[in-house]
N, C-alpha and C. Protein backbone atom coordinates (compact mmCIF):
# COMPACT_ATOMS: atom_id res chain seq x y z
N UNK A 1 84.12 76.01 127.35
CA UNK A 1 83.62 77.40 126.92
C UNK A 1 82.32 77.40 127.91
N UNK A 2 81.97 78.51 128.49
CA UNK A 2 80.83 78.67 129.26
C UNK A 2 79.92 79.38 128.41
N UNK A 3 78.67 79.23 128.69
CA UNK A 3 77.63 79.68 127.96
C UNK A 3 77.27 81.12 128.68
N UNK A 4 76.99 82.11 127.56
CA UNK A 4 76.42 83.49 128.32
C UNK A 4 74.87 83.29 128.47
N UNK A 5 74.30 84.29 128.54
CA UNK A 5 72.83 84.21 128.72
C UNK A 5 72.32 84.59 127.38
N UNK A 6 72.15 83.99 126.59
CA UNK A 6 71.78 83.82 125.09
C UNK A 6 71.90 82.63 124.54
N UNK A 7 72.53 81.70 125.35
CA UNK A 7 73.03 80.30 125.05
C UNK A 7 74.30 80.28 124.04
N UNK A 8 75.01 81.14 123.67
CA UNK A 8 76.18 81.29 122.81
C UNK A 8 77.36 81.05 123.67
N UNK A 9 78.27 80.20 123.48
CA UNK A 9 79.53 79.99 124.05
C UNK A 9 80.25 81.42 124.03
N UNK A 10 80.80 81.82 125.20
CA UNK A 10 81.26 83.20 125.18
C UNK A 10 82.68 83.15 124.25
N UNK A 11 83.28 82.36 124.23
CA UNK A 11 84.57 82.11 123.26
C UNK A 11 84.20 82.46 121.81
N UNK A 12 83.16 81.81 121.41
CA UNK A 12 82.88 81.77 119.99
C UNK A 12 82.45 83.14 119.57
N UNK A 13 81.81 83.98 120.30
CA UNK A 13 80.98 85.15 120.21
C UNK A 13 82.11 86.10 120.30
N UNK A 14 83.01 86.12 121.08
CA UNK A 14 84.21 86.87 120.91
C UNK A 14 85.13 86.68 119.79
N UNK A 15 85.59 85.59 119.74
CA UNK A 15 86.45 85.33 118.58
C UNK A 15 85.73 85.63 117.04
N UNK A 16 84.38 85.17 117.07
CA UNK A 16 83.71 85.37 115.64
C UNK A 16 83.80 86.86 115.52
N UNK A 17 83.47 87.69 116.49
CA UNK A 17 83.34 89.02 116.28
C UNK A 17 84.56 89.64 116.26
N UNK A 18 85.68 89.21 116.59
CA UNK A 18 87.08 89.89 116.41
C UNK A 18 87.48 89.49 115.00
N UNK A 19 87.16 88.26 114.68
CA UNK A 19 87.49 87.91 113.25
C UNK A 19 86.73 88.22 112.22
N UNK A 20 85.43 88.42 112.53
CA UNK A 20 84.61 89.06 111.53
C UNK A 20 84.71 90.43 111.25
N UNK A 21 85.35 91.35 112.32
CA UNK A 21 85.61 92.75 112.23
C UNK A 21 86.99 92.95 111.38
N UNK A 22 87.88 92.09 111.64
CA UNK A 22 89.05 92.03 110.77
C UNK A 22 88.94 91.73 109.29
N UNK A 23 87.92 91.00 109.10
CA UNK A 23 87.59 90.41 107.78
C UNK A 23 87.07 91.65 107.13
N UNK A 24 86.17 92.30 107.81
CA UNK A 24 85.44 93.43 107.14
C UNK A 24 86.38 94.19 106.85
N UNK A 25 87.52 94.80 107.68
CA UNK A 25 88.52 95.52 107.40
C UNK A 25 89.38 95.27 106.08
N UNK A 26 89.32 94.01 106.20
CA UNK A 26 90.40 93.61 105.00
C UNK A 26 89.80 93.72 103.73
N UNK A 27 88.41 93.24 103.72
CA UNK A 27 87.87 93.50 102.45
C UNK A 27 87.57 95.23 101.95
N UNK A 28 87.25 95.81 103.04
CA UNK A 28 87.65 97.37 102.65
C UNK A 28 88.77 97.84 102.19
N UNK A 29 89.84 97.12 102.77
CA UNK A 29 91.15 97.62 102.15
C UNK A 29 91.31 97.03 101.00
N UNK A 30 90.67 96.05 100.41
CA UNK A 30 91.01 95.54 99.01
C UNK A 30 90.24 95.95 98.19
N UNK A 31 89.13 96.77 98.44
CA UNK A 31 88.26 97.36 97.57
C UNK A 31 88.90 98.54 96.87
N UNK A 32 89.01 98.43 95.51
CA UNK A 32 89.52 99.42 94.55
C UNK A 32 88.51 100.36 93.89
N UNK A 33 88.97 101.45 93.86
CA UNK A 33 88.27 102.48 92.96
C UNK A 33 88.23 102.10 91.18
N UNK A 34 87.19 102.45 90.46
CA UNK A 34 87.27 101.82 89.32
C UNK A 34 88.56 102.52 88.42
N UNK A 35 89.00 103.58 88.66
CA UNK A 35 90.21 104.25 88.23
C UNK A 35 91.42 103.22 88.44
N UNK A 36 91.56 102.67 89.88
CA UNK A 36 92.65 101.85 90.29
C UNK A 36 92.65 100.56 89.36
N UNK A 37 91.55 100.00 89.50
CA UNK A 37 90.93 98.78 88.81
C UNK A 37 91.45 98.96 87.24
N UNK A 38 91.18 100.10 86.56
CA UNK A 38 91.39 100.16 85.05
C UNK A 38 92.94 100.33 84.92
N UNK A 39 93.64 101.09 85.88
CA UNK A 39 95.16 101.28 85.75
C UNK A 39 95.77 99.96 85.96
N UNK A 40 95.60 99.05 86.83
CA UNK A 40 95.94 97.68 87.07
C UNK A 40 95.81 96.71 85.94
N UNK A 41 94.59 96.89 85.32
CA UNK A 41 94.21 96.14 84.18
C UNK A 41 95.13 96.64 83.05
N UNK A 42 95.33 97.79 82.69
CA UNK A 42 96.11 98.30 81.40
C UNK A 42 97.58 97.95 81.67
N UNK A 43 98.01 98.16 83.01
CA UNK A 43 99.53 97.53 83.26
C UNK A 43 99.66 96.20 83.09
N UNK A 44 98.63 95.39 83.54
CA UNK A 44 98.89 93.93 83.63
C UNK A 44 98.80 93.57 82.27
N UNK A 45 98.06 94.31 81.36
CA UNK A 45 97.95 93.81 79.79
C UNK A 45 99.16 94.03 78.94
N UNK A 46 99.98 94.98 79.54
CA UNK A 46 101.43 95.20 79.03
C UNK A 46 102.31 94.09 79.48
N UNK A 47 102.28 93.88 80.87
CA UNK A 47 103.22 92.93 81.20
C UNK A 47 102.95 91.53 80.70
N UNK A 48 101.59 91.26 80.65
CA UNK A 48 101.21 89.75 80.07
C UNK A 48 101.96 89.43 78.56
N UNK A 49 102.08 90.63 77.99
CA UNK A 49 102.94 90.66 76.59
C UNK A 49 104.55 90.36 76.67
N UNK A 50 104.92 90.26 78.07
CA UNK A 50 106.20 89.89 78.15
C UNK A 50 106.72 88.81 78.72
N UNK A 51 107.66 88.24 78.57
CA UNK A 51 107.98 86.56 79.11
C UNK A 51 109.01 86.81 80.11
N UNK A 52 109.00 87.81 81.04
CA UNK A 52 110.08 87.95 82.12
C UNK A 52 110.22 86.59 82.93
N UNK A 53 108.92 86.13 83.40
CA UNK A 53 108.74 85.09 84.25
C UNK A 53 107.75 83.91 84.01
N UNK A 54 107.91 82.82 84.65
CA UNK A 54 106.88 81.70 84.09
C UNK A 54 105.69 81.95 84.44
N UNK A 55 105.16 82.61 85.38
CA UNK A 55 103.61 82.78 85.99
C UNK A 55 103.28 84.46 85.37
N UNK A 56 102.43 84.59 85.16
CA UNK A 56 101.73 85.88 84.81
C UNK A 56 101.79 86.75 86.09
N UNK A 57 101.93 88.13 85.88
CA UNK A 57 101.83 88.75 87.42
C UNK A 57 100.27 88.74 87.87
N UNK A 58 100.07 88.60 89.06
CA UNK A 58 98.85 88.23 89.70
C UNK A 58 98.49 89.79 90.32
N UNK A 59 97.33 90.29 90.15
CA UNK A 59 96.98 91.46 90.60
C UNK A 59 95.79 91.56 91.53
N UNK A 60 95.23 90.54 91.78
CA UNK A 60 94.23 90.34 92.90
C UNK A 60 94.21 90.87 94.15
N UNK A 61 95.34 90.99 94.80
CA UNK A 61 95.65 91.72 96.08
C UNK A 61 96.48 92.84 96.05
N UNK A 62 96.84 93.47 94.78
CA UNK A 62 97.65 94.48 94.41
C UNK A 62 96.80 95.76 94.58
N UNK A 63 97.19 96.67 95.41
CA UNK A 63 96.66 97.98 95.64
C UNK A 63 97.63 99.10 95.23
N UNK A 64 97.01 100.00 94.66
CA UNK A 64 97.68 101.61 94.25
C UNK A 64 97.19 102.41 95.27
N UNK A 65 98.11 103.07 95.95
CA UNK A 65 97.47 104.10 97.02
C UNK A 65 98.47 105.33 96.71
N UNK A 66 97.79 106.52 96.79
CA UNK A 66 98.17 107.73 96.57
C UNK A 66 98.62 108.42 98.13
N UNK A 67 100.28 108.38 98.24
CA UNK A 67 100.46 108.65 99.68
C UNK A 67 101.84 109.64 99.47
N UNK A 68 101.20 111.26 98.86
CA UNK A 68 101.99 112.14 98.93
C UNK A 68 103.04 112.49 100.11
N UNK A 69 102.49 112.24 101.17
CA UNK A 69 103.54 112.50 102.39
C UNK A 69 104.69 111.73 102.71
N UNK A 70 104.36 110.58 101.93
CA UNK A 70 105.88 109.52 101.83
C UNK A 70 106.84 110.02 101.17
N UNK A 71 106.46 110.68 100.21
CA UNK A 71 107.60 111.02 99.12
C UNK A 71 108.22 112.55 99.57
N UNK A 72 107.82 112.98 100.78
CA UNK A 72 108.40 114.17 101.33
C UNK A 72 109.49 113.82 102.10
N UNK A 73 109.50 112.41 102.52
CA UNK A 73 110.79 111.99 103.37
C UNK A 73 112.09 111.85 102.58
N UNK A 74 113.02 112.22 103.03
CA UNK A 74 114.28 112.28 102.24
C UNK A 74 114.73 110.93 101.55
N UNK A 75 114.51 109.93 102.11
CA UNK A 75 114.93 108.52 101.17
C UNK A 75 113.94 108.63 99.98
N UNK A 76 112.69 108.95 100.07
CA UNK A 76 111.61 108.94 99.01
C UNK A 76 111.56 109.99 98.01
N UNK A 77 112.04 111.20 98.24
CA UNK A 77 112.24 112.13 97.47
C UNK A 77 112.52 112.11 96.02
N UNK A 78 113.24 111.35 95.75
CA UNK A 78 113.93 111.08 94.44
C UNK A 78 112.88 110.20 93.50
N UNK A 79 111.76 109.46 94.33
CA UNK A 79 111.02 108.58 93.68
C UNK A 79 109.74 109.17 93.30
N UNK A 80 108.86 108.76 92.03
CA UNK A 80 107.29 109.18 91.77
C UNK A 80 106.40 108.02 92.10
N UNK A 81 107.05 106.89 92.14
CA UNK A 81 106.42 105.69 92.75
C UNK A 81 107.28 104.68 93.44
N UNK A 82 106.63 103.78 94.24
CA UNK A 82 107.26 102.74 95.01
C UNK A 82 106.58 101.47 95.34
N UNK A 83 107.47 100.50 95.25
CA UNK A 83 106.62 99.14 95.51
C UNK A 83 106.90 98.53 96.65
N UNK A 84 105.90 97.95 97.34
CA UNK A 84 106.24 97.31 98.64
C UNK A 84 105.53 96.10 98.69
N UNK A 85 106.01 94.98 98.10
CA UNK A 85 105.06 93.99 98.13
C UNK A 85 103.82 93.96 97.20
N UNK A 86 102.58 93.88 97.57
CA UNK A 86 101.34 94.19 96.74
C UNK A 86 101.05 95.57 96.61
N UNK A 87 101.84 96.38 97.57
CA UNK A 87 101.35 97.90 97.45
C UNK A 87 102.21 98.71 96.50
N UNK A 88 101.47 99.47 95.35
CA UNK A 88 102.34 100.57 94.74
C UNK A 88 101.76 101.82 95.36
N UNK A 89 102.86 102.54 95.64
CA UNK A 89 102.67 103.93 96.45
C UNK A 89 102.82 104.94 95.50
N UNK A 90 102.19 105.80 95.26
CA UNK A 90 102.42 106.96 94.30
C UNK A 90 102.47 108.22 94.91
N UNK A 91 103.17 109.09 94.33
CA UNK A 91 103.35 110.49 94.79
C UNK A 91 102.43 111.34 94.11
N UNK A 92 101.64 111.03 93.11
CA UNK A 92 100.58 111.87 92.56
C UNK A 92 99.37 111.21 92.50
N UNK A 93 98.23 111.64 92.42
CA UNK A 93 96.98 110.81 92.21
C UNK A 93 96.90 110.06 91.05
N UNK A 94 96.23 108.96 91.13
CA UNK A 94 96.34 107.99 90.21
C UNK A 94 95.92 108.68 88.57
N UNK A 95 94.95 109.47 88.63
CA UNK A 95 94.46 109.85 87.41
C UNK A 95 95.48 110.91 86.93
N UNK A 96 96.51 111.48 87.63
CA UNK A 96 97.61 112.23 87.22
C UNK A 96 98.79 111.40 86.76
N UNK A 97 99.00 109.93 87.22
CA UNK A 97 100.30 109.24 87.09
C UNK A 97 100.14 108.43 85.61
N UNK A 98 101.29 108.61 84.94
CA UNK A 98 101.12 108.19 83.79
C UNK A 98 101.09 106.53 83.47
N UNK A 99 100.70 105.54 82.83
CA UNK A 99 100.58 104.40 82.67
C UNK A 99 101.83 103.68 82.65
N UNK A 100 102.97 104.45 81.97
CA UNK A 100 104.35 103.80 82.17
C UNK A 100 105.04 103.47 83.77
N UNK A 101 104.65 104.64 84.53
CA UNK A 101 105.03 104.59 85.79
C UNK A 101 104.35 103.34 86.70
N UNK A 102 102.96 103.05 86.24
CA UNK A 102 102.23 101.75 86.83
C UNK A 102 102.72 100.82 86.41
N UNK A 103 103.19 100.63 85.22
CA UNK A 103 103.35 99.32 84.53
C UNK A 103 104.96 98.99 85.26
N UNK A 104 105.95 99.93 85.27
CA UNK A 104 107.17 99.86 85.93
C UNK A 104 106.99 99.44 87.37
N UNK A 105 106.08 99.74 88.22
CA UNK A 105 105.93 99.38 89.59
C UNK A 105 105.14 98.26 89.67
N UNK A 106 104.36 97.82 88.45
CA UNK A 106 103.68 96.67 88.72
C UNK A 106 104.56 95.38 88.32
N UNK A 107 105.60 95.88 87.41
CA UNK A 107 106.69 94.88 87.05
C UNK A 107 107.34 94.53 88.45
N UNK A 108 107.73 95.45 89.28
CA UNK A 108 108.36 95.35 90.51
C UNK A 108 107.65 94.37 91.46
N UNK A 109 106.12 94.54 91.33
CA UNK A 109 105.31 93.59 91.85
C UNK A 109 105.44 92.16 91.60
N UNK A 110 105.72 91.95 90.33
CA UNK A 110 105.66 90.67 89.47
C UNK A 110 107.05 90.13 89.97
N UNK A 111 108.24 90.92 89.87
CA UNK A 111 109.44 90.62 90.49
C UNK A 111 109.26 89.99 91.72
N UNK A 112 108.70 90.73 92.71
CA UNK A 112 108.31 90.29 94.08
C UNK A 112 107.85 89.13 94.16
N UNK A 113 106.79 88.82 93.43
CA UNK A 113 105.92 87.62 93.46
C UNK A 113 106.90 86.44 93.07
N UNK A 114 107.65 86.65 91.96
CA UNK A 114 108.77 85.56 91.39
C UNK A 114 109.93 85.08 92.32
N UNK A 115 110.22 86.16 92.70
CA UNK A 115 111.53 85.97 93.61
C UNK A 115 111.97 87.13 94.75
N UNK A 116 111.10 87.14 95.70
CA UNK A 116 111.22 88.28 96.69
C UNK A 116 112.50 88.41 97.21
N UNK A 117 113.18 87.50 97.86
CA UNK A 117 114.35 87.76 98.76
C UNK A 117 115.44 88.15 97.70
N UNK A 118 115.55 87.43 96.61
CA UNK A 118 116.54 87.56 95.61
C UNK A 118 116.61 89.11 95.20
N UNK A 119 115.23 89.62 94.84
CA UNK A 119 114.66 90.83 94.32
C UNK A 119 115.54 92.06 95.34
N UNK A 120 114.86 91.62 96.58
CA UNK A 120 115.26 92.58 97.63
C UNK A 120 116.56 92.65 97.88
N UNK A 121 117.41 91.73 97.93
CA UNK A 121 118.98 91.54 98.25
C UNK A 121 119.57 92.28 97.12
N UNK A 122 119.07 92.24 96.17
CA UNK A 122 119.82 92.85 94.88
C UNK A 122 120.18 94.30 95.14
N UNK A 123 119.13 94.96 95.69
CA UNK A 123 119.23 96.52 95.96
C UNK A 123 120.42 96.63 97.08
N UNK A 124 120.37 95.73 97.83
CA UNK A 124 121.45 95.97 98.95
C UNK A 124 122.84 95.58 98.43
N UNK A 125 122.76 94.57 97.53
CA UNK A 125 123.96 94.21 96.79
C UNK A 125 124.62 94.88 95.67
N UNK A 126 123.67 95.59 95.11
CA UNK A 126 124.04 96.00 93.54
C UNK A 126 123.56 97.53 93.56
N UNK A 127 122.82 98.06 94.60
CA UNK A 127 122.35 99.54 94.26
C UNK A 127 121.20 99.61 93.46
N UNK A 128 120.69 100.88 93.16
CA UNK A 128 119.54 101.07 92.34
C UNK A 128 119.76 101.39 90.87
N UNK A 129 120.74 102.29 90.43
CA UNK A 129 121.06 102.70 89.19
C UNK A 129 120.88 101.56 88.02
N UNK A 130 121.93 100.83 88.06
CA UNK A 130 121.87 99.54 87.13
C UNK A 130 121.58 98.26 87.67
N UNK A 131 120.67 98.18 88.62
CA UNK A 131 120.22 97.10 89.01
C UNK A 131 119.43 96.29 88.21
N UNK A 132 119.45 94.90 87.98
CA UNK A 132 118.92 94.40 86.80
C UNK A 132 117.53 94.56 87.05
N UNK A 133 116.96 94.60 88.06
CA UNK A 133 115.36 94.66 88.56
C UNK A 133 114.90 95.98 87.82
N UNK A 134 115.82 97.11 88.13
CA UNK A 134 115.24 98.31 87.68
C UNK A 134 115.43 98.40 85.93
N UNK A 135 116.44 98.03 85.33
CA UNK A 135 116.67 97.63 84.08
C UNK A 135 115.41 97.10 83.35
N UNK A 136 114.82 95.93 84.06
CA UNK A 136 113.77 95.20 83.44
C UNK A 136 112.49 95.79 83.65
N UNK A 137 112.42 96.59 84.86
CA UNK A 137 111.23 97.44 84.79
C UNK A 137 111.00 98.60 84.02
N UNK A 138 112.33 99.43 83.69
CA UNK A 138 112.25 100.24 82.70
C UNK A 138 111.90 99.86 81.18
N UNK A 139 112.43 98.52 81.08
CA UNK A 139 112.28 97.85 79.64
C UNK A 139 110.47 97.59 79.59
N UNK A 140 109.77 97.12 80.62
CA UNK A 140 108.59 96.72 80.93
C UNK A 140 107.73 98.29 80.50
N UNK A 141 108.37 99.36 81.35
CA UNK A 141 107.61 100.67 81.13
C UNK A 141 107.75 101.34 79.63
N UNK A 142 108.89 101.05 79.01
CA UNK A 142 108.77 101.34 77.65
C UNK A 142 108.19 100.83 76.72
N UNK A 143 107.62 99.38 77.16
CA UNK A 143 106.63 98.62 76.53
C UNK A 143 105.11 99.37 76.32
N UNK A 144 105.15 99.85 77.58
CA UNK A 144 103.64 100.82 77.52
C UNK A 144 103.62 102.01 76.80
N UNK A 145 104.78 102.44 76.11
CA UNK A 145 104.83 103.72 75.45
C UNK A 145 104.27 103.34 73.91
């Protein structure tokens, strides 16, 4: 590494700046609104009462995002919510979304945390309507009512 005119090695300054900027973006992305935090806590409380998996659902990195434009796409039109790993995507704003839908989608997050490949493969192999993961998520949602 060569030193710049300030005595700092140029590699460290550039890498630290890039890493620092990425870390700041990640922290901003993980910042939740009070409504989002409350909705996740309510849904987690329901799921914590169920014994579907050995470990409880972890919500530390879960985000709920309102993305109405996604649900205008042909594949997504039939859904009101959709789970993608730690993301719960909603058609309507969180304050207009019933708790049972958030429980349903958080149950999918839990399934994903427990057995990601098996879960995703089940939709390819078994379809949607009677998929065991959908049946389980519907049962979790019913527990919220």
